[in-house]
Protein backbone atom coordinates (compact mmCIF):
# COMPACT_ATOMS: atom_id res chain seq x y z
CA UNK A 1 19.24 17.37 13.29
CA UNK A 2 20.24 17.78 9.70
CA UNK A 3 17.94 16.48 7.00
CA UNK A 4 19.24 14.60 3.99
CA UNK A 5 17.79 14.15 0.53
CA UNK A 6 17.01 10.63 -0.68
CA UNK A 7 15.95 9.23 -4.03
CA UNK A 8 13.64 6.24 -3.69
CA UNK A 9 12.90 3.76 -6.47
CA UNK A 10 10.38 0.96 -6.33
CA UNK A 11 7.07 -0.37 -7.51
CA UNK A 12 3.58 -1.01 -6.23
CA UNK A 13 0.60 -3.08 -7.27
CA UNK A 14 -2.36 -1.07 -8.51
CA UNK A 15 -5.09 -3.49 -9.45
CA UNK A 16 -3.58 -6.04 -11.81
CA UNK A 17 -0.86 -3.66 -13.00
CA UNK A 18 2.50 -2.84 -11.45
CA UNK A 19 3.45 0.83 -11.30
CA UNK A 20 7.10 1.89 -11.10
CA UNK A 21 7.92 5.01 -9.11
CA UNK A 22 10.85 7.30 -8.35
CA UNK A 23 10.48 9.90 -5.60
CA UNK A 24 12.80 12.36 -3.92
CA UNK A 25 12.21 13.08 -0.24
CA UNK A 26 13.87 14.90 2.63
CA UNK A 27 14.28 13.02 5.89
CA UNK A 28 16.54 12.77 8.91
CA UNK A 29 17.37 9.12 8.32
CA UNK A 30 16.59 6.24 5.98
CA UNK A 31 14.02 4.74 8.35
CA UNK A 32 11.81 7.81 8.03
CA UNK A 33 11.76 7.33 4.25
CA UNK A 34 9.92 4.01 4.55
CA UNK A 35 7.16 5.56 6.65
CA UNK A 36 6.81 8.56 4.33
CA UNK A 37 6.50 6.34 1.26
CA UNK A 38 3.96 4.02 2.90
CA UNK A 39 1.89 6.97 4.16
CA UNK A 40 2.01 8.81 0.83
CA UNK A 41 1.00 5.88 -1.37
CA UNK A 42 -1.50 4.61 1.19
CA UNK A 43 -3.32 7.93 1.26
CA UNK A 44 -3.19 8.66 -2.48
CA UNK A 45 -3.81 5.18 -3.90
CA UNK A 46 -5.42 3.34 -0.97
CA UNK A 47 -2.87 0.54 -1.02
CA UNK A 48 -1.40 -1.36 1.89
CA UNK A 49 2.26 -1.56 2.91
CA UNK A 50 2.66 -5.11 1.63
CA UNK A 51 1.74 -3.96 -1.90
CA UNK A 52 4.66 -1.48 -2.02
CA UNK A 53 8.14 -2.75 -2.85
CA UNK A 54 10.95 -0.29 -2.20
CA UNK A 55 13.89 -1.48 -4.29
CA UNK A 56 16.49 1.24 -3.78
CA UNK A 57 17.12 4.20 -1.45
CA UNK A 58 20.08 6.45 -2.24
CA UNK A 59 21.23 9.60 -0.51
CA UNK A 60 21.79 12.32 -3.11
CA UNK A 61 23.43 15.74 -3.08
CA UNK A 62 21.40 18.95 -3.56
CA UNK A 63 22.93 19.28 -7.05
CA UNK A 64 21.35 15.98 -8.16
CA UNK A 65 17.78 16.90 -7.17
CA UNK A 66 15.25 16.84 -10.02
CA UNK A 67 11.97 17.39 -8.14
CA UNK A 68 11.17 21.15 -8.19
CA UNK A 69 9.49 21.08 -4.75
CA UNK A 70 12.51 19.51 -3.07
CA UNK A 71 14.86 21.79 -5.04
CA UNK A 72 12.97 24.84 -3.69
CA UNK A 73 13.47 23.58 -0.11
CA UNK A 74 17.22 23.14 -0.53
């Protein structure tokens, strides 16, 4: 299976504040992106799935990648 690169934008509640995030991830399909985001923020910030709001998921080309780790994998 071929992996695709996605740019994810959203926000999550951290205490009384709302944090905005943008992440780039590689995945086989869009459904895997949700699980990766929930697992990543859950492990780093100890927040639950219902505190994370994913607003936008876009497939991007390798030329549009900004994240140096993802760029190295492409």
